[in-house]
PDB file of N, CA and C in Angstrom:
ATOM      1  N   MET A   1     -14.293 150.102  93.176  1.00  0.00           N
ATOM      2  CA  MET A   1     -13.594 151.075  94.144  1.00  0.00           C
ATOM      3  C   MET A   1     -12.848 150.236  94.998  1.00  0.00           C
ATOM      4  N   SER A   2     -11.709 150.652  95.328  1.00  0.00           N
ATOM      5  CA  SER A   2     -10.735 149.750  96.068  1.00  0.00           C
ATOM      6  C   SER A   2     -11.201 149.944  97.700  1.00  0.00           C
ATOM      7  N   SER A   3     -10.619 149.329  98.556  1.00  0.00           N
ATOM      8  CA  SER A   3     -11.009 149.267  99.863  1.00  0.00           C
ATOM      9  C   SER A   3     -10.420 150.748 100.691  1.00  0.00           C
ATOM     10  N   LEU A   4      -9.263 151.097 100.121  1.00  0.00           N
ATOM     11  CA  LEU A   4      -8.840 152.229 100.495  1.00  0.00           C
ATOM     12  C   LEU A   4      -9.541 153.450 100.015  1.00  0.00           C
ATOM     13  N   LYS A   5      -9.662 153.350  98.776  1.00  0.00           N
ATOM     14  CA  LYS A   5     -10.730 154.385  98.416  1.00  0.00           C
ATOM     15  C   LYS A   5     -11.830 154.599  99.072  1.00  0.00           C
ATOM     16  N   GLU A   6     -12.469 153.399  99.260  1.00  0.00           N
ATOM     17  CA  GLU A   6     -13.872 153.417 100.302  1.00  0.00           C
ATOM     18  C   GLU A   6     -13.571 153.871 101.669  1.00  0.00           C
ATOM     19  N   LEU A   7     -12.449 153.808 102.384  1.00  0.00           N
ATOM     20  CA  LEU A   7     -12.131 154.284 103.505  1.00  0.00           C
ATOM     21  C   LEU A   7     -11.941 155.838 103.509  1.00  0.00           C
ATOM     22  N   GLN A   8     -11.233 156.287 102.332  1.00  0.00           N
ATOM     23  CA  GLN A   8     -10.807 157.635 102.283  1.00  0.00           C
ATOM     24  C   GLN A   8     -12.340 158.349 101.884  1.00  0.00           C
ATOM     25  N   GLU A   9     -13.276 157.812 101.147  1.00  0.00           N
ATOM     26  CA  GLU A   9     -14.548 158.336 100.943  1.00  0.00           C
ATOM     27  C   GLU A   9     -15.322 158.364 102.386  1.00  0.00           C
ATOM     28  N   MET A  10     -14.872 157.268 103.108  1.00  0.00           N
ATOM     29  CA  MET A  10     -16.078 157.422 104.401  1.00  0.00           C
ATOM     30  C   MET A  10     -15.492 158.297 105.295  1.00  0.00           C
ATOM     31  N   LEU A  11     -14.258 158.397 105.306  1.00  0.00           N
ATOM     32  CA  LEU A  11     -13.448 159.788 106.308  1.00  0.00           C
ATOM     33  C   LEU A  11     -13.892 160.846 106.018  1.00  0.00           C
ATOM     34  N   ARG A  12     -13.857 161.178 104.589  1.00  0.00           N
ATOM     35  CA  ARG A  12     -14.522 162.573 104.315  1.00  0.00           C
ATOM     36  C   ARG A  12     -15.859 162.945 104.691  1.00  0.00           C
ATOM     37  N   GLY A  13     -16.589 161.864 104.784  1.00  0.00           N
ATOM     38  CA  GLY A  13     -18.016 162.369 105.443  1.00  0.00           C
ATOM     39  C   GLY A  13     -17.845 162.344 107.234  1.00  0.00           C
ATOM     40  N   LEU A  14     -16.777 161.840 107.908  1.00  0.00           N
ATOM     41  CA  LEU A  14     -16.775 162.138 109.152  1.00  0.00           C
ATOM     42  C   LEU A  14     -16.113 163.643 109.695  1.00  0.00           C
ATOM     43  N   GLN A  15     -16.880 164.053 110.821  1.00  0.00           N
ATOM     44  CA  GLN A  15     -16.419 165.165 111.500  1.00  0.00           C
ATOM     45  C   GLN A  15     -15.194 164.663 112.328  1.00  0.00           C
ATOM     46  N   PRO A  16     -14.300 165.852 112.403  1.00  0.00           N
ATOM     47  CA  PRO A  16     -13.308 165.335 113.063  1.00  0.00           C
ATOM     48  C   PRO A  16     -13.489 165.268 114.360  1.00  0.00           C
ATOM     49  N   GLY A  17     -12.672 164.258 115.113  1.00  0.00           N
ATOM     50  CA  GLY A  17     -12.781 163.988 116.756  1.00  0.00           C
ATOM     51  C   GLY A  17     -13.238 162.494 116.928  1.00  0.00           C
ATOM     52  N   GLU A  18     -13.996 162.310 117.945  1.00  0.00           N
ATOM     53  CA  GLU A  18     -14.168 160.805 118.336  1.00  0.00           C
ATOM     54  C   GLU A  18     -15.003 160.422 117.318  1.00  0.00           C
ATOM     55  N   VAL A  19     -14.565 159.066 117.060  1.00  0.00           N
ATOM     56  CA  VAL A  19     -15.555 158.277 115.953  1.00  0.00           C
ATOM     57  C   VAL A  19     -16.536 157.493 116.754  1.00  0.00           C
ATOM     58  N   SER A  20     -17.738 157.806 117.048  1.00  0.00           N
ATOM     59  CA  SER A  20     -18.777 157.237 117.660  1.00  0.00           C
ATOM     60  C   SER A  20     -19.146 155.672 117.462  1.00  0.00           C
ATOM     61  N   ASP A  21     -19.063 155.085 116.112  1.00  0.00           N
ATOM     62  CA  ASP A  21     -19.228 154.018 115.690  1.00  0.00           C
ATOM     63  C   ASP A  21     -18.046 153.424 114.910  1.00  0.00           C
ATOM     64  N   PRO A  22     -17.168 152.794 115.434  1.00  0.00           N
ATOM     65  CA  PRO A  22     -15.746 152.514 114.798  1.00  0.00           C
ATOM     66  C   PRO A  22     -15.802 151.324 113.746  1.00  0.00           C
ATOM     67  N   ALA A  23     -16.948 150.433 114.191  1.00  0.00           N
ATOM     68  CA  ALA A  23     -17.145 149.261 113.560  1.00  0.00           C
ATOM     69  C   ALA A  23     -16.723 149.211 111.929  1.00  0.00           C
ATOM     70  N   PRO A  24     -17.464 150.367 111.143  1.00  0.00           N
ATOM     71  CA  PRO A  24     -17.313 150.484 109.608  1.00  0.00           C
ATOM     72  C   PRO A  24     -15.996 150.910 109.345  1.00  0.00           C
ATOM     73  N   VAL A  25     -15.313 151.761 109.983  1.00  0.00           N
ATOM     74  CA  VAL A  25     -14.072 152.375 109.751  1.00  0.00           C
ATOM     75  C   VAL A  25     -12.988 151.263 110.110  1.00  0.00           C
ATOM     76  N   ALA A  26     -13.242 150.185 111.147  1.00  0.00           N
ATOM     77  CA  ALA A  26     -12.392 149.399 111.236  1.00  0.00           C
ATOM     78  C   ALA A  26     -12.390 148.107 110.154  1.00  0.00           C
ATOM     79  N   THR A  27     -13.559 148.008 109.737  1.00  0.00           N
ATOM     80  CA  THR A  27     -13.869 146.933 108.773  1.00  0.00           C
ATOM     81  C   THR A  27     -13.034 147.408 107.294  1.00  0.00           C
ATOM     82  N   LEU A  28     -13.081 148.712 106.850  1.00  0.00           N
ATOM     83  CA  LEU A  28     -12.582 149.005 105.628  1.00  0.00           C
ATOM     84  C   LEU A  28     -11.021 149.047 105.903  1.00  0.00           C
ATOM     85  N   LEU A  29     -10.455 149.623 107.225  1.00  0.00           N
ATOM     86  CA  LEU A  29      -9.106 149.759 107.251  1.00  0.00           C
ATOM     87  C   LEU A  29      -8.677 148.316 107.450  1.00  0.00           C
ATOM     88  N   ALA A  30      -9.273 147.533 108.009  1.00  0.00           N
ATOM     89  CA  ALA A  30      -8.715 146.054 107.907  1.00  0.00           C
ATOM     90  C   ALA A  30      -8.362 145.560 106.490  1.00  0.00           C
ATOM     91  N   LYS A  31      -9.424 145.927 105.701  1.00  0.00           N
ATOM     92  CA  LYS A  31      -9.565 145.583 104.176  1.00  0.00           C
ATOM     93  C   LYS A  31      -8.297 146.025 103.438  1.00  0.00           C
ATOM     94  N   CYS A  32      -7.809 147.395 103.594  1.00  0.00           N
ATOM     95  CA  CYS A  32      -6.816 147.976 103.091  1.00  0.00           C
ATOM     96  C   CYS A  32      -5.602 148.132 103.821  1.00  0.00           C
ATOM     97  N   TRP A  33      -5.646 147.587 104.963  1.00  0.00           N
ATOM     98  CA  TRP A  33      -4.546 147.500 105.940  1.00  0.00           C
ATOM     99  C   TRP A  33      -2.751 146.980 105.339  1.00  0.00           C
ATOM    100  N   ASP A  34      -3.043 146.328 104.481  1.00  0.00           N
ATOM    101  CA  ASP A  34      -1.686 145.629 103.677  1.00  0.00           C
ATOM    102  C   ASP A  34      -1.146 146.784 102.742  1.00  0.00           C
ATOM    103  N   GLU A  35      -2.001 147.769 102.463  1.00  0.00           N
ATOM    104  CA  GLU A  35      -1.654 148.675 101.649  1.00  0.00           C
ATOM    105  C   GLU A  35      -0.869 149.931 101.968  1.00  0.00           C
ATOM    106  N   LEU A  36      -1.133 149.934 103.503  1.00  0.00           N
ATOM    107  CA  LEU A  36      -0.575 151.355 104.200  1.00  0.00           C
ATOM    108  C   LEU A  36       0.879 150.972 104.622  1.00  0.00           C
ATOM    109  N   PRO A  37       1.872 152.110 104.427  1.00  0.00           N
ATOM    110  CA  PRO A  37       3.133 151.876 104.770  1.00  0.00           C
ATOM    111  C   PRO A  37       3.284 151.642 106.330  1.00  0.00           C
ATOM    112  N   GLY A  38       4.084 150.544 106.721  1.00  0.00           N
ATOM    113  CA  GLY A  38       4.378 150.489 107.990  1.00  0.00           C
ATOM    114  C   GLY A  38       3.312 149.230 108.577  1.00  0.00           C
ATOM    115  N   SER A  39       2.554 148.894 107.582  1.00  0.00           N
ATOM    116  CA  SER A  39       1.500 147.838 108.099  1.00  0.00           C
ATOM    117  C   SER A  39       2.041 146.523 108.581  1.00  0.00           C
ATOM    118  N   GLU A  40       3.266 146.112 108.413  1.00  0.00           N
ATOM    119  CA  GLU A  40       3.668 144.868 108.574  1.00  0.00           C
ATOM    120  C   GLU A  40       4.449 145.132 109.933  1.00  0.00           C
ATOM    121  N   ASP A  41       4.665 145.956 110.440  1.00  0.00           N
ATOM    122  CA  ASP A  41       5.418 146.524 111.566  1.00  0.00           C
ATOM    123  C   ASP A  41       4.999 145.662 112.851  1.00  0.00           C
ATOM    124  N   ALA A  42       5.727 145.219 113.674  1.00  0.00           N
ATOM    125  CA  ALA A  42       5.261 144.424 114.586  1.00  0.00           C
ATOM    126  C   ALA A  42       4.055 143.276 114.514  1.00  0.00           C
ATOM    127  N   GLY A  43       4.250 142.905 113.300  1.00  0.00           N
ATOM    128  CA  GLY A  43       3.321 141.542 113.208  1.00  0.00           C
ATOM    129  C   GLY A  43       1.853 141.999 113.182  1.00  0.00           C
ATOM    130  N   MET A  44       1.376 143.480 113.007  1.00  0.00           N
ATOM    131  CA  MET A  44       0.034 143.601 113.045  1.00  0.00           C
ATOM    132  C   MET A  44      -0.418 143.245 111.626  1.00  0.00           C
ATOM    133  N   ARG A  45      -1.565 142.581 111.483  1.00  0.00           N
ATOM    134  CA  ARG A  45      -2.417 142.432 110.342  1.00  0.00           C
ATOM    135  C   ARG A  45      -3.748 142.944 110.652  1.00  0.00           C
ATOM    136  N   GLY A  46      -4.517 142.921 109.468  1.00  0.00           N
ATOM    137  CA  GLY A  46      -5.737 143.971 109.335  1.00  0.00           C
ATOM    138  C   GLY A  46      -6.934 143.280 110.006  1.00  0.00           C
ATOM    139  N   TYR A  47      -7.018 142.024 110.037  1.00  0.00           N
ATOM    140  CA  TYR A  47      -8.108 141.285 110.619  1.00  0.00           C
ATOM    141  C   TYR A  47      -7.978 141.582 112.084  1.00  0.00           C
ATOM    142  N   LYS A  48      -6.694 141.978 112.607  1.00  0.00           N
ATOM    143  CA  LYS A  48      -6.577 142.028 114.155  1.00  0.00           C
ATOM    144  C   LYS A  48      -7.207 143.301 114.632  1.00  0.00           C
ATOM    145  N   LEU A  49      -7.760 144.276 113.667  1.00  0.00           N
ATOM    146  CA  LEU A  49      -8.344 145.544 114.043  1.00  0.00           C
ATOM    147  C   LEU A  49      -9.922 145.512 114.733  1.00  0.00           C
ATOM    148  N   LEU A  50     -10.330 144.008 113.903  1.00  0.00           N
ATOM    149  CA  LEU A  50     -11.909 144.005 114.084  1.00  0.00           C
ATOM    150  C   LEU A  50     -12.333 143.543 115.433  1.00  0.00           C
ATOM    151  N   GLY A  51     -13.266 144.512 116.051  1.00  0.00           N
ATOM    152  CA  GLY A  51     -13.507 144.445 117.274  1.00  0.00           C
ATOM    153  C   GLY A  51     -12.631 144.710 118.383  1.00  0.00           C
ATOM    154  N   ARG A  52     -11.539 145.401 118.080  1.00  0.00           N
ATOM    155  CA  ARG A  52     -10.711 145.411 118.803  1.00  0.00           C
ATOM    156  C   ARG A  52     -10.098 146.804 119.011  1.00  0.00           C
ATOM    157  N   MET A  53     -10.231 147.878 118.186  1.00  0.00           N
ATOM    158  CA  MET A  53      -9.873 149.268 118.148  1.00  0.00           C
ATOM    159  C   MET A  53     -10.804 149.900 119.382  1.00  0.00           C
ATOM    160  N   GLU A  54     -10.129 150.655 119.892  1.00  0.00           N
ATOM    161  CA  GLU A  54     -10.964 151.443 120.928  1.00  0.00           C
ATOM    162  C   GLU A  54     -10.164 153.043 120.781  1.00  0.00           C
ATOM    163  N   ASP A  55     -11.012 153.781 121.255  1.00  0.00           N
ATOM    164  CA  ASP A  55     -10.568 155.265 121.476  1.00  0.00           C
ATOM    165  C   ASP A  55     -10.247 155.510 120.196  1.00  0.00           C
ATOM    166  N   VAL A  56     -11.074 155.274 119.221  1.00  0.00           N
ATOM    167  CA  VAL A  56     -10.827 155.790 117.692  1.00  0.00           C
ATOM    168  C   VAL A  56     -11.366 157.358 117.443  1.00  0.00           C
ATOM    169  N   ARG A  57     -10.368 157.963 117.172  1.00  0.00           N
ATOM    170  CA  ARG A  57     -10.450 159.501 116.608  1.00  0.00           C
ATOM    171  C   ARG A  57     -10.023 159.676 115.245  1.00  0.00           C
ATOM    172  N   TRP A  58     -10.883 160.553 114.541  1.00  0.00           N
ATOM    173  CA  TRP A  58     -10.512 161.081 113.138  1.00  0.00           C
ATOM    174  C   TRP A  58      -9.782 162.462 113.201  1.00  0.00           C
ATOM    175  N   ASP A  59      -8.586 162.598 113.419  1.00  0.00           N
ATOM    176  CA  ASP A  59      -7.829 163.805 113.569  1.00  0.00           C
ATOM    177  C   ASP A  59      -7.196 163.900 112.065  1.00  0.00           C
ATOM    178  N   PRO A  60      -7.909 164.381 110.875  1.00  0.00           N
ATOM    179  CA  PRO A  60      -7.447 164.523 109.696  1.00  0.00           C
ATOM    180  C   PRO A  60      -5.967 165.211 109.679  1.00  0.00           C
ATOM    181  N   PRO A  61      -5.100 164.344 108.840  1.00  0.00           N
ATOM    182  CA  PRO A  61      -5.462 163.276 108.007  1.00  0.00           C
ATOM    183  C   PRO A  61      -5.255 161.784 108.409  1.00  0.00           C
ATOM    184  N   THR A  62      -5.197 161.995 109.889  1.00  0.00           N
ATOM    185  CA  THR A  62      -4.838 160.837 110.815  1.00  0.00           C
ATOM    186  C   THR A  62      -5.980 159.942 111.508  1.00  0.00           C
ATOM    187  N   ILE A  63      -6.000 158.830 111.242  1.00  0.00           N
ATOM    188  CA  ILE A  63      -7.087 157.884 112.006  1.00  0.00           C
ATOM    189  C   ILE A  63      -6.093 157.652 113.437  1.00  0.00           C
ATOM    190  N   ARG A  64      -6.774 157.807 114.720  1.00  0.00           N
ATOM    191  CA  ARG A  64      -5.704 157.314 115.736  1.00  0.00           C
ATOM    192  C   ARG A  64      -6.699 156.275 116.510  1.00  0.00           C
ATOM    193  N   PHE A  65      -6.100 155.426 117.243  1.00  0.00           N
ATOM    194  CA  PHE A  65      -6.694 154.569 117.943  1.00  0.00           C
ATOM    195  C   PHE A  65      -5.888 153.692 118.805  1.00  0.00           C
ATOM    196  N   ALA A  66      -6.301 152.935 119.778  1.00  0.00           N
ATOM    197  CA  ALA A  66      -5.549 152.203 120.671  1.00  0.00           C
ATOM    198  C   ALA A  66      -6.070 150.514 120.204  1.00  0.00           C
ATOM    199  N   ILE A  67      -5.183 149.844 120.460  1.00  0.00           N
ATOM    200  CA  ILE A  67      -5.755 148.230 120.054  1.00  0.00           C
ATOM    201  C   ILE A  67      -4.979 147.520 121.334  1.00  0.00           C
ATOM    202  N   GLU A  68      -5.483 146.361 121.745  1.00  0.00           N
ATOM    203  CA  GLU A  68      -4.806 145.522 122.696  1.00  0.00           C
ATOM    204  C   GLU A  68      -4.046 144.384 121.926  1.00  0.00           C
ATOM    205  N   ARG A  69      -2.844 144.399 121.957  1.00  0.00           N
ATOM    206  CA  ARG A  69      -2.130 143.196 121.451  1.00  0.00           C
ATOM    207  C   ARG A  69      -1.997 142.158 122.530  1.00  0.00           C
ATOM    208  N   HIS A  70      -2.125 140.716 122.036  1.00  0.00           N
ATOM    209  CA  HIS A  70      -2.441 139.691 122.931  1.00  0.00           C
ATOM    210  C   HIS A  70      -1.143 138.744 122.970  1.00  0.00           C
ATOM    211  N   GLY A  71      -0.076 139.084 122.390  1.00  0.00           N
ATOM    212  CA  GLY A  71       0.988 138.270 122.125  1.00  0.00           C
ATOM    213  C   GLY A  71       1.624 137.812 123.727  1.00  0.00           C
ATOM    214  N   ALA A  72       1.793 138.701 124.557  1.00  0.00           N
ATOM    215  CA  ALA A  72       2.328 138.268 125.813  1.00  0.00           C
ATOM    216  C   ALA A  72       1.068 137.209 126.554  1.00  0.00           C
ATOM    217  N   THR A  73      -0.076 137.129 126.183  1.00  0.00           N
ATOM    218  CA  THR A  73      -1.262 136.403 127.013  1.00  0.00           C
ATOM    219  C   THR A  73      -0.800 134.847 126.198  1.00  0.00           C
ATOM    220  N   THR A  74      -0.143 134.513 125.399  1.00  0.00           N
ATOM    221  CA  THR A  74       0.360 133.432 124.620  1.00  0.00           C
ATOM    222  C   THR A  74       1.402 132.765 125.304  1.00  0.00           C
ATOM    223  N   LEU A  75       2.346 133.765 125.988  1.00  0.00           N
ATOM    224  CA  LEU A  75       3.466 133.367 126.855  1.00  0.00           C
ATOM    225  C   LEU A  75       3.327 133.344 128.184  1.00  0.00           C
ATOM    226  N   GLY A  76       1.735 133.157 128.613  1.00  0.00           N
ATOM    227  CA  GLY A  76       1.559 133.039 130.069  1.00  0.00           C
ATOM    228  C   GLY A  76       1.142 134.126 130.853  1.00  0.00           C
ATOM    229  N   SER A  77       1.156 135.442 130.245  1.00  0.00           N
ATOM    230  CA  SER A  77       0.566 136.852 130.978  1.00  0.00           C
ATOM    231  C   SER A  77      -0.942 136.834 130.684  1.00  0.00           C
ATOM    232  N   THR A  78      -1.682 137.407 131.765  1.00  0.00           N
ATOM    233  CA  THR A  78      -2.992 137.301 131.839  1.00  0.00           C
ATOM    234  C   THR A  78      -3.610 138.759 131.338  1.00  0.00           C
ATOM    235  N   ARG A  79      -2.427 139.653 131.050  1.00  0.00           N
ATOM    236  CA  ARG A  79      -3.010 140.845 130.649  1.00  0.00           C
ATOM    237  C   ARG A  79      -2.421 141.219 129.110  1.00  0.00           C
ATOM    238  N   ALA A  80      -3.083 141.970 128.406  1.00  0.00           N
ATOM    239  CA  ALA A  80      -2.724 142.370 127.176  1.00  0.00           C
ATOM    240  C   ALA A  80      -2.144 143.620 127.125  1.00  0.00           C
ATOM    241  N   GLU A  81      -1.142 143.751 125.982  1.00  0.00           N
ATOM    242  CA  GLU A  81      -0.598 145.049 126.034  1.00  0.00           C
ATOM    243  C   GLU A  81      -1.360 146.182 124.994  1.00  0.00           C
ATOM    244  N   VAL A  82      -1.488 147.351 125.474  1.00  0.00           N
ATOM    245  CA  VAL A  82      -2.243 148.149 124.667  1.00  0.00           C
ATOM    246  C   VAL A  82      -1.046 149.343 124.023  1.00  0.00           C
ATOM    247  N   GLN A  83      -1.467 149.206 122.619  1.00  0.00           N
ATOM    248  CA  GLN A  83      -0.794 150.094 121.770  1.00  0.00           C
ATOM    249  C   GLN A  83      -1.515 151.063 120.931  1.00  0.00           C
TER     250      GLN A  83
END
């Protein structure tokens, strides 16, 4: 079974609303990230989701989350941007 199908199956089993344990969702989403439209926008890569997804919500058919982006920190900033 493909990672995208696994993610879809997992999401079917979730109640809409806040995802209390986002780690399994993040793992599958990271594995299929490159299959999603717009996945390459802003240099985002699937592995960057692991351990960094915050405020994860399942609002069918959409997974919503915030993620810290650390690009500015490599340029001297001490704060990460949240997208």
